[in-house]
C-alpha atoms as a PDB file:
ATOM      1  CA  MET A   1     102.865 138.608 122.821  1.00  0.00           C
ATOM      2  CA  THR A   2      99.109 138.298 122.364  1.00  0.00           C
ATOM      3  CA  ILE A   3      96.659 135.538 121.459  1.00  0.00           C
ATOM      4  CA  ASN A   4      93.134 135.915 120.106  1.00  0.00           C
ATOM      5  CA  CYS A   5      90.501 134.058 122.143  1.00  0.00           C
ATOM      6  CA  LYS A   6      86.930 134.519 120.916  1.00  0.00           C
ATOM      7  CA  GLY A   7      87.769 137.990 119.647  1.00  0.00           C
ATOM      8  CA  GLN A   8      89.606 139.004 122.823  1.00  0.00           C
ATOM      9  CA  LEU A   9      93.271 139.881 122.527  1.00  0.00           C
ATOM     10  CA  ILE A  10      94.991 138.361 125.551  1.00  0.00           C
ATOM     11  CA  ASP A  11      98.313 140.001 126.406  1.00  0.00           C
ATOM     12  CA  LEU A  12     100.719 137.320 127.625  1.00  0.00           C
ATOM     13  CA  SER A  13     103.488 139.759 128.482  1.00  0.00           C
ATOM     14  CA  SER A  14     101.881 139.539 131.925  1.00  0.00           C
ATOM     15  CA  PRO A  15     101.766 135.837 132.928  1.00  0.00           C
ATOM     16  CA  LYS A  16      98.352 134.188 132.966  1.00  0.00           C
ATOM     17  CA  ILE A  17      96.854 131.334 134.974  1.00  0.00           C
ATOM     18  CA  MET A  18      95.159 128.258 133.535  1.00  0.00           C
ATOM     19  CA  GLY A  19      93.068 126.294 136.035  1.00  0.00           C
ATOM     20  CA  ILE A  20      92.853 122.504 135.621  1.00  0.00           C
ATOM     21  CA  LEU A  21      89.367 120.990 135.662  1.00  0.00           C
ATOM     22  CA  ASN A  22      89.195 117.309 134.783  1.00  0.00           C
ATOM     23  CA  THR A  23      86.069 115.352 133.923  1.00  0.00           C
ATOM     24  CA  THR A  24      87.909 112.067 134.448  1.00  0.00           C
ATOM     25  CA  PRO A  25      87.627 109.567 137.320  1.00  0.00           C
ATOM     26  CA  ASP A  26      91.351 108.748 137.347  1.00  0.00           C
ATOM     27  CA  SER A  27      93.413 111.938 137.107  1.00  0.00           C
ATOM     28  CA  PHE A  28      96.487 111.687 139.338  1.00  0.00           C
ATOM     29  CA  TYR A  29      95.322 114.513 141.644  1.00  0.00           C
ATOM     30  CA  GLU A  30      91.910 113.847 143.129  1.00  0.00           C
ATOM     31  CA  GLY A  31      91.289 117.541 143.784  1.00  0.00           C
ATOM     32  CA  SER A  32      91.045 118.267 140.047  1.00  0.00           C
ATOM     33  CA  ARG A  33      88.297 115.729 139.286  1.00  0.00           C
ATOM     34  CA  SER A  34      84.663 116.695 138.708  1.00  0.00           C
ATOM     35  CA  GLN A  35      82.092 113.950 138.185  1.00  0.00           C
ATOM     36  CA  ASN A  36      78.840 115.910 137.960  1.00  0.00           C
ATOM     37  CA  GLU A  37      77.641 119.281 136.686  1.00  0.00           C
ATOM     38  CA  SER A  38      77.102 120.841 140.114  1.00  0.00           C
ATOM     39  CA  ASP A  39      80.635 120.014 141.238  1.00  0.00           C
ATOM     40  CA  LEU A  40      82.036 121.194 137.907  1.00  0.00           C
ATOM     41  CA  LEU A  41      80.332 124.567 138.168  1.00  0.00           C
ATOM     42  CA  LYS A  42      81.412 125.071 141.784  1.00  0.00           C
ATOM     43  CA  ARG A  43      85.034 124.319 140.975  1.00  0.00           C
ATOM     44  CA  ALA A  44      84.997 126.561 137.920  1.00  0.00           C
ATOM     45  CA  GLU A  45      83.372 129.424 139.820  1.00  0.00           C
ATOM     46  CA  LYS A  46      86.007 129.162 142.560  1.00  0.00           C
ATOM     47  CA  MET A  47      88.842 129.237 140.018  1.00  0.00           C
ATOM     48  CA  LEU A  48      87.383 132.192 138.141  1.00  0.00           C
ATOM     49  CA  LYS A  49      86.859 134.167 141.355  1.00  0.00           C
ATOM     50  CA  GLU A  50      90.437 133.428 142.380  1.00  0.00           C
ATOM     51  CA  GLY A  51      91.738 134.859 139.122  1.00  0.00           C
ATOM     52  CA  ALA A  52      91.999 132.091 136.531  1.00  0.00           C
ATOM     53  CA  ASP A  53      92.336 133.491 133.014  1.00  0.00           C
ATOM     54  CA  PHE A  54      91.597 130.134 131.361  1.00  0.00           C
ATOM     55  CA  ILE A  55      89.975 126.881 132.430  1.00  0.00           C
ATOM     56  CA  ASP A  56      91.495 123.709 130.963  1.00  0.00           C
ATOM     57  CA  ILE A  57      88.929 120.919 130.488  1.00  0.00           C
ATOM     58  CA  GLY A  58      90.128 117.364 129.950  1.00  0.00           C
ATOM     59  CA  GLY A  59      88.239 114.098 129.566  1.00  0.00           C
ATOM     60  CA  TYR A  60      91.178 111.739 128.981  1.00  0.00           C
ATOM     61  CA  SER A  61      93.731 111.252 131.736  1.00  0.00           C
ATOM     62  CA  SER A  62      97.243 111.439 130.319  1.00  0.00           C
ATOM     63  CA  ARG A  63      98.947 110.160 133.462  1.00  0.00           C
ATOM     64  CA  PRO A  64     101.201 107.127 132.935  1.00  0.00           C
ATOM     65  CA  ASP A  65      99.285 103.830 132.699  1.00  0.00           C
ATOM     66  CA  ALA A  66      95.890 105.546 132.530  1.00  0.00           C
ATOM     67  CA  GLU A  67      93.092 103.505 130.996  1.00  0.00           C
ATOM     68  CA  GLU A  68      92.216 103.960 127.326  1.00  0.00           C
ATOM     69  CA  VAL A  69      89.123 106.094 126.745  1.00  0.00           C
ATOM     70  CA  SER A  70      87.100 105.902 123.538  1.00  0.00           C
ATOM     71  CA  VAL A  71      86.432 108.993 121.447  1.00  0.00           C
ATOM     72  CA  GLU A  72      82.716 108.672 122.233  1.00  0.00           C
ATOM     73  CA  GLU A  73      83.310 108.562 125.982  1.00  0.00           C
ATOM     74  CA  GLU A  74      85.714 111.497 125.860  1.00  0.00           C
ATOM     75  CA  LEU A  75      83.097 113.496 123.954  1.00  0.00           C
ATOM     76  CA  GLN A  76      80.425 112.577 126.512  1.00  0.00           C
ATOM     77  CA  ARG A  77      82.681 113.771 129.322  1.00  0.00           C
ATOM     78  CA  VAL A  78      83.889 117.000 127.730  1.00  0.00           C
ATOM     79  CA  VAL A  79      81.215 118.531 125.494  1.00  0.00           C
ATOM     80  CA  PRO A  80      78.373 118.723 128.078  1.00  0.00           C
ATOM     81  CA  ALA A  81      80.850 120.168 130.585  1.00  0.00           C
ATOM     82  CA  ILE A  82      81.849 122.918 128.168  1.00  0.00           C
ATOM     83  CA  GLU A  83      78.214 123.680 127.325  1.00  0.00           C
ATOM     84  CA  ALA A  84      77.352 123.970 131.035  1.00  0.00           C
ATOM     85  CA  LEU A  85      80.320 126.226 131.748  1.00  0.00           C
ATOM     86  CA  VAL A  86      79.623 128.547 128.821  1.00  0.00           C
ATOM     87  CA  LYS A  87      75.946 128.757 129.781  1.00  0.00           C
ATOM     88  CA  ASN A  88      76.727 129.690 133.389  1.00  0.00           C
ATOM     89  CA  PHE A  89      79.855 131.768 132.751  1.00  0.00           C
ATOM     90  CA  PRO A  90      79.445 133.394 129.308  1.00  0.00           C
ATOM     91  CA  GLU A  91      82.825 135.156 129.433  1.00  0.00           C
ATOM     92  CA  ILE A  92      84.788 132.017 130.297  1.00  0.00           C
ATOM     93  CA  LEU A  93      87.783 131.084 128.126  1.00  0.00           C
ATOM     94  CA  ILE A  94      88.004 127.298 127.926  1.00  0.00           C
ATOM     95  CA  SER A  95      91.057 125.363 126.831  1.00  0.00           C
ATOM     96  CA  VAL A  96      90.229 121.876 125.529  1.00  0.00           C
ATOM     97  CA  ASP A  97      92.805 119.321 126.655  1.00  0.00           C
ATOM     98  CA  THR A  98      92.698 116.639 123.951  1.00  0.00           C
ATOM     99  CA  PHE A  99      94.863 115.019 121.286  1.00  0.00           C
ATOM    100  CA  ARG A 100      91.863 113.974 119.158  1.00  0.00           C
ATOM    101  CA  SER A 101      90.644 116.183 116.324  1.00  0.00           C
ATOM    102  CA  LYS A 102      87.005 115.117 116.635  1.00  0.00           C
ATOM    103  CA  VAL A 103      86.939 115.974 120.332  1.00  0.00           C
ATOM    104  CA  ALA A 104      88.639 119.299 119.584  1.00  0.00           C
ATOM    105  CA  ASP A 105      86.165 120.092 116.807  1.00  0.00           C
ATOM    106  CA  GLU A 106      83.047 119.323 118.856  1.00  0.00           C
ATOM    107  CA  SER A 107      84.437 121.077 121.930  1.00  0.00           C
ATOM    108  CA  LEU A 108      85.200 124.253 120.000  1.00  0.00           C
ATOM    109  CA  LYS A 109      81.706 124.193 118.496  1.00  0.00           C
ATOM    110  CA  ALA A 110      80.350 123.895 122.056  1.00  0.00           C
ATOM    111  CA  GLY A 111      82.180 127.055 123.133  1.00  0.00           C
ATOM    112  CA  GLY A 112      85.827 126.172 123.690  1.00  0.00           C
ATOM    113  CA  ALA A 113      88.378 128.904 123.009  1.00  0.00           C
ATOM    114  CA  MET A 114      91.640 127.028 122.386  1.00  0.00           C
ATOM    115  CA  VAL A 115      93.132 123.554 122.062  1.00  0.00           C
ATOM    116  CA  ASN A 116      95.755 122.088 124.392  1.00  0.00           C
ATOM    117  CA  ASP A 117      97.277 119.078 122.612  1.00  0.00           C
ATOM    118  CA  ILE A 118      99.780 116.904 124.491  1.00  0.00           C
ATOM    119  CA  ALA A 119     100.816 115.283 121.186  1.00  0.00           C
ATOM    120  CA  ALA A 120     101.153 118.416 119.013  1.00  0.00           C
ATOM    121  CA  GLY A 121      99.297 116.619 116.221  1.00  0.00           C
ATOM    122  CA  ASN A 122     101.385 113.434 116.315  1.00  0.00           C
ATOM    123  CA  LEU A 123      98.503 111.232 117.476  1.00  0.00           C
ATOM    124  CA  ASP A 124      95.916 112.683 115.087  1.00  0.00           C
ATOM    125  CA  LYS A 125      97.004 114.079 111.741  1.00  0.00           C
ATOM    126  CA  GLU A 126      93.773 116.058 111.358  1.00  0.00           C
ATOM    127  CA  MET A 127      94.270 118.039 114.564  1.00  0.00           C
ATOM    128  CA  MET A 128      96.111 121.002 113.075  1.00  0.00           C
ATOM    129  CA  ASN A 129      93.590 121.304 110.236  1.00  0.00           C
ATOM    130  CA  VAL A 130      90.745 121.403 112.755  1.00  0.00           C
ATOM    131  CA  VAL A 131      92.491 124.056 114.850  1.00  0.00           C
ATOM    132  CA  ALA A 132      93.231 126.124 111.745  1.00  0.00           C
ATOM    133  CA  GLY A 133      89.628 125.792 110.600  1.00  0.00           C
ATOM    134  CA  HIS A 134      88.372 127.257 113.875  1.00  0.00           C
ATOM    135  CA  GLN A 135      91.192 129.845 114.020  1.00  0.00           C
ATOM    136  CA  VAL A 136      91.809 129.330 117.735  1.00  0.00           C
ATOM    137  CA  PRO A 137      95.079 129.305 119.697  1.00  0.00           C
ATOM    138  CA  TYR A 138      96.941 126.004 119.795  1.00  0.00           C
ATOM    139  CA  ILE A 139      99.146 124.734 122.620  1.00  0.00           C
ATOM    140  CA  MET A 140     101.693 122.180 121.392  1.00  0.00           C
ATOM    141  CA  MET A 141     103.358 119.977 123.997  1.00  0.00           C
ATOM    142  CA  HIS A 142     106.505 117.888 123.679  1.00  0.00           C
ATOM    143  CA  MET A 143     105.985 114.167 124.200  1.00  0.00           C
ATOM    144  CA  ARG A 144     107.354 111.004 122.674  1.00  0.00           C
ATOM    145  CA  GLY A 145     104.991 108.127 121.932  1.00  0.00           C
ATOM    146  CA  ASN A 146     101.676 108.215 123.785  1.00  0.00           C
ATOM    147  CA  PRO A 147     100.590 108.183 127.454  1.00  0.00           C
ATOM    148  CA  ALA A 148     100.962 104.392 127.572  1.00  0.00           C
ATOM    149  CA  THR A 149     104.513 104.298 126.161  1.00  0.00           C
ATOM    150  CA  MET A 150     106.045 107.659 127.084  1.00  0.00           C
ATOM    151  CA  LYS A 151     107.762 106.466 130.306  1.00  0.00           C
ATOM    152  CA  LYS A 152     110.051 104.215 128.266  1.00  0.00           C
ATOM    153  CA  LEU A 153     110.941 106.909 125.725  1.00  0.00           C
ATOM    154  CA  ASN A 154     113.129 109.215 127.798  1.00  0.00           C
ATOM    155  CA  GLN A 155     116.559 108.523 126.289  1.00  0.00           C
ATOM    156  CA  TYR A 156     118.175 111.641 124.803  1.00  0.00           C
ATOM    157  CA  GLU A 157     121.639 112.530 123.604  1.00  0.00           C
ATOM    158  CA  ASN A 158     120.943 116.217 124.219  1.00  0.00           C
ATOM    159  CA  MET A 159     117.452 116.665 125.643  1.00  0.00           C
ATOM    160  CA  LEU A 160     117.140 120.443 125.360  1.00  0.00           C
ATOM    161  CA  GLN A 161     118.500 120.529 121.833  1.00  0.00           C
ATOM    162  CA  GLU A 162     116.190 117.725 120.727  1.00  0.00           C
ATOM    163  CA  ILE A 163     113.129 119.396 122.258  1.00  0.00           C
ATOM    164  CA  LEU A 164     113.983 122.718 120.608  1.00  0.00           C
ATOM    165  CA  GLN A 165     114.362 120.954 117.254  1.00  0.00           C
ATOM    166  CA  TYR A 166     111.038 119.214 117.829  1.00  0.00           C
ATOM    167  CA  PHE A 167     109.287 122.538 118.379  1.00  0.00           C
ATOM    168  CA  SER A 168     110.970 124.167 115.402  1.00  0.00           C
ATOM    169  CA  GLY A 169     109.491 121.481 113.183  1.00  0.00           C
ATOM    170  CA  LYS A 170     106.090 121.665 114.843  1.00  0.00           C
ATOM    171  CA  ILE A 171     105.968 125.441 114.476  1.00  0.00           C
ATOM    172  CA  ARG A 172     106.630 125.139 110.747  1.00  0.00           C
ATOM    173  CA  GLU A 173     103.951 122.455 110.466  1.00  0.00           C
ATOM    174  CA  ALA A 174     101.382 124.520 112.348  1.00  0.00           C
ATOM    175  CA  ARG A 175     102.124 127.681 110.353  1.00  0.00           C
ATOM    176  CA  SER A 176     101.784 125.712 107.112  1.00  0.00           C
ATOM    177  CA  ALA A 177      98.383 124.481 108.293  1.00  0.00           C
ATOM    178  CA  GLY A 178      97.272 128.091 108.840  1.00  0.00           C
ATOM    179  CA  ILE A 179      97.394 128.348 112.639  1.00  0.00           C
ATOM    180  CA  ASN A 180      98.190 131.888 113.764  1.00  0.00           C
ATOM    181  CA  ASP A 181      98.315 131.740 117.575  1.00  0.00           C
ATOM    182  CA  LEU A 182     100.785 129.174 118.892  1.00  0.00           C
ATOM    183  CA  MET A 183     102.065 128.326 122.359  1.00  0.00           C
ATOM    184  CA  ILE A 184     104.525 125.655 123.450  1.00  0.00           C
ATOM    185  CA  ASP A 185     104.615 123.370 126.487  1.00  0.00           C
ATOM    186  CA  PRO A 186     107.920 121.555 127.237  1.00  0.00           C
ATOM    187  CA  GLY A 187     105.940 118.625 128.650  1.00  0.00           C
ATOM    188  CA  PHE A 188     107.122 118.090 132.218  1.00  0.00           C
ATOM    189  CA  GLY A 189     106.699 114.429 133.130  1.00  0.00           C
ATOM    190  CA  PHE A 190     106.039 113.353 129.550  1.00  0.00           C
ATOM    191  CA  SER A 191     108.882 111.177 128.205  1.00  0.00           C
ATOM    192  CA  LYS A 192     111.096 112.627 130.940  1.00  0.00           C
ATOM    193  CA  ASN A 193     112.202 111.295 134.314  1.00  0.00           C
ATOM    194  CA  ILE A 194     112.516 113.363 137.476  1.00  0.00           C
ATOM    195  CA  GLU A 195     116.136 114.347 136.887  1.00  0.00           C
ATOM    196  CA  GLN A 196     115.305 115.389 133.317  1.00  0.00           C
ATOM    197  CA  ASN A 197     112.340 117.437 134.538  1.00  0.00           C
ATOM    198  CA  PHE A 198     114.578 119.469 136.829  1.00  0.00           C
ATOM    199  CA  GLU A 199     117.119 119.965 134.058  1.00  0.00           C
ATOM    200  CA  LEU A 200     114.286 121.124 131.809  1.00  0.00           C
ATOM    201  CA  LEU A 201     113.087 123.657 134.364  1.00  0.00           C
ATOM    202  CA  SER A 202     116.587 124.945 135.079  1.00  0.00           C
ATOM    203  CA  LYS A 203     117.074 125.701 131.371  1.00  0.00           C
ATOM    204  CA  ALA A 204     113.506 126.673 130.479  1.00  0.00           C
ATOM    205  CA  ASP A 205     114.606 130.174 129.513  1.00  0.00           C
ATOM    206  CA  LEU A 206     116.129 128.653 126.359  1.00  0.00           C
ATOM    207  CA  PHE A 207     112.612 128.283 124.950  1.00  0.00           C
ATOM    208  CA  GLN A 208     112.438 132.062 124.652  1.00  0.00           C
ATOM    209  CA  THR A 209     114.523 131.667 121.468  1.00  0.00           C
ATOM    210  CA  LEU A 210     111.402 130.258 119.764  1.00  0.00           C
ATOM    211  CA  GLU A 211     109.672 133.629 120.307  1.00  0.00           C
ATOM    212  CA  LEU A 212     106.383 132.027 121.369  1.00  0.00           C
ATOM    213  CA  PRO A 213     104.506 132.008 124.678  1.00  0.00           C
ATOM    214  CA  VAL A 214     105.585 129.137 126.929  1.00  0.00           C
ATOM    215  CA  LEU A 215     103.139 127.214 129.113  1.00  0.00           C
ATOM    216  CA  ILE A 216     104.578 125.456 132.150  1.00  0.00           C
ATOM    217  CA  GLY A 217     102.579 122.661 133.795  1.00  0.00           C
ATOM    218  CA  ILE A 218     104.265 121.236 136.883  1.00  0.00           C
ATOM    219  CA  SER A 219     101.406 121.515 139.368  1.00  0.00           C
ATOM    220  CA  ARG A 220     101.558 118.761 142.013  1.00  0.00           C
ATOM    221  CA  LYS A 221     103.508 116.457 139.669  1.00  0.00           C
ATOM    222  CA  SER A 222     105.717 113.563 140.734  1.00  0.00           C
ATOM    223  CA  MET A 223     108.923 115.575 140.234  1.00  0.00           C
ATOM    224  CA  ILE A 224     107.747 117.501 143.294  1.00  0.00           C
ATOM    225  CA  TYR A 225     106.170 114.955 145.603  1.00  0.00           C
ATOM    226  CA  LYS A 226     108.591 112.107 144.882  1.00  0.00           C
ATOM    227  CA  THR A 227     111.554 114.415 145.484  1.00  0.00           C
ATOM    228  CA  LEU A 228     110.011 115.502 148.785  1.00  0.00           C
ATOM    229  CA  GLY A 229     108.804 112.023 149.754  1.00  0.00           C
ATOM    230  CA  THR A 230     105.145 113.012 149.975  1.00  0.00           C
ATOM    231  CA  ASN A 231     102.140 112.699 147.633  1.00  0.00           C
ATOM    232  CA  PRO A 232     100.112 114.926 145.253  1.00  0.00           C
ATOM    233  CA  SER A 233      97.831 116.230 147.995  1.00  0.00           C
ATOM    234  CA  GLU A 234     100.855 117.558 149.923  1.00  0.00           C
ATOM    235  CA  ALA A 235     102.637 119.102 146.931  1.00  0.00           C
ATOM    236  CA  LEU A 236     101.189 122.626 146.916  1.00  0.00           C
ATOM    237  CA  ASN A 237     104.145 124.327 148.594  1.00  0.00           C
ATOM    238  CA  GLY A 238     106.591 122.607 146.269  1.00  0.00           C
ATOM    239  CA  THR A 239     104.435 123.585 143.303  1.00  0.00           C
ATOM    240  CA  THR A 240     104.558 127.236 144.344  1.00  0.00           C
ATOM    241  CA  VAL A 241     108.355 127.132 144.654  1.00  0.00           C
ATOM    242  CA  LEU A 242     108.803 125.660 141.173  1.00  0.00           C
ATOM    243  CA  ASN A 243     106.148 127.931 139.641  1.00  0.00           C
ATOM    244  CA  SER A 244     108.175 130.878 140.930  1.00  0.00           C
ATOM    245  CA  ILE A 245     111.234 129.550 139.137  1.00  0.00           C
ATOM    246  CA  ALA A 246     109.175 128.918 135.980  1.00  0.00           C
ATOM    247  CA  LEU A 247     108.051 132.555 135.968  1.00  0.00           C
ATOM    248  CA  GLN A 248     111.619 133.746 136.370  1.00  0.00           C
ATOM    249  CA  LYS A 249     112.545 131.531 133.405  1.00  0.00           C
ATOM    250  CA  GLY A 250     109.945 133.267 131.231  1.00  0.00           C
ATOM    251  CA  ALA A 251     106.717 131.247 131.562  1.00  0.00           C
ATOM    252  CA  SER A 252     103.739 133.044 130.000  1.00  0.00           C
ATOM    253  CA  ILE A 253     101.097 130.667 131.378  1.00  0.00           C
ATOM    254  CA  LEU A 254     101.066 128.516 134.504  1.00  0.00           C
ATOM    255  CA  ARG A 255      98.755 125.494 134.273  1.00  0.00           C
ATOM    256  CA  VAL A 256      97.734 124.731 137.865  1.00  0.00           C
ATOM    257  CA  HIS A 257      95.328 122.986 140.199  1.00  0.00           C
ATOM    258  CA  ASP A 258      95.497 125.805 142.764  1.00  0.00           C
ATOM    259  CA  VAL A 259      94.626 129.147 141.201  1.00  0.00           C
ATOM    260  CA  LYS A 260      94.786 131.451 144.236  1.00  0.00           C
ATOM    261  CA  GLU A 261      98.334 130.453 145.099  1.00  0.00           C
ATOM    262  CA  ALA A 262      99.455 130.724 141.473  1.00  0.00           C
ATOM    263  CA  VAL A 263      98.007 134.229 141.152  1.00  0.00           C
ATOM    264  CA  GLU A 264      99.883 135.262 144.289  1.00  0.00           C
ATOM    265  CA  CYS A 265     103.022 133.743 142.807  1.00  0.00           C
ATOM    266  CA  VAL A 266     102.630 135.805 139.629  1.00  0.00           C
ATOM    267  CA  ASN A 267     102.038 138.996 141.598  1.00  0.00           C
ATOM    268  CA  LEU A 268     105.071 138.541 143.820  1.00  0.00           C
ATOM    269  CA  VAL A 269     107.492 137.452 141.093  1.00  0.00           C
ATOM    270  CA  SER A 270     106.295 140.389 138.966  1.00  0.00           C
ATOM    271  CA  ARG A 271     107.183 142.765 141.792  1.00  0.00           C
ATOM    272  CA  VAL A 272     110.667 141.259 142.007  1.00  0.00           C
ATOM    273  CA  LYS A 273     111.164 141.673 138.255  1.00  0.00           C
ATOM    274  CA  LYS A 274     110.083 145.314 138.422  1.00  0.00           C
END
């Protein structure tokens, strides 16, 4: 499977790494936050040197109970960051983490290469049209409600079946809008409790039936540190363990805070598969 990013065909048959770089003051993991241009560039350079294939820029924290951020503030956080990154690293492939079409549009104009939408268009009906207009890859995540309500919306009769049906509908919607390059994200921690997250990971290979690249984002999340009785800063080892399982279940992209360790994970799991 391949995706087209700024004219480059990226082969996802070999798993890729997406580094997380937040321009928010309240993301759940402090190590992912960048509050000024110098810090942003240093973090990005480190990730790129360690082997990140994509850098995911977000200006709106989607953690539970995060504060509301206006469109204008999100734009002020994200667009200058993208412009600085593209200026200093011309070959960089930036994923824009937003559910707002205006932020996606301006970010892509500033040099972004793809859109990572936690709502798959449900929170902004213009999102898919914007993505189609720019002809960039689109990551669609499963979530119910919005970041403020999602914790209460985790009741399922058959979770895996319902998520697969959700994606089937979203794929049809995106294709109808004219989007060519699609990826799916099961949405660990979004409208799912810890037990459901582990069930989702254990059966993640079922998403291969959709015949699209699958992004897995479990880096330092509460399913890890709450299970182990620690905190996000102590969740790297647990992240590596679960990333290894995600790769064995068919993940095409790992979205992570710690690029070096994720690259090593990909290399070692690839050797096992060979």
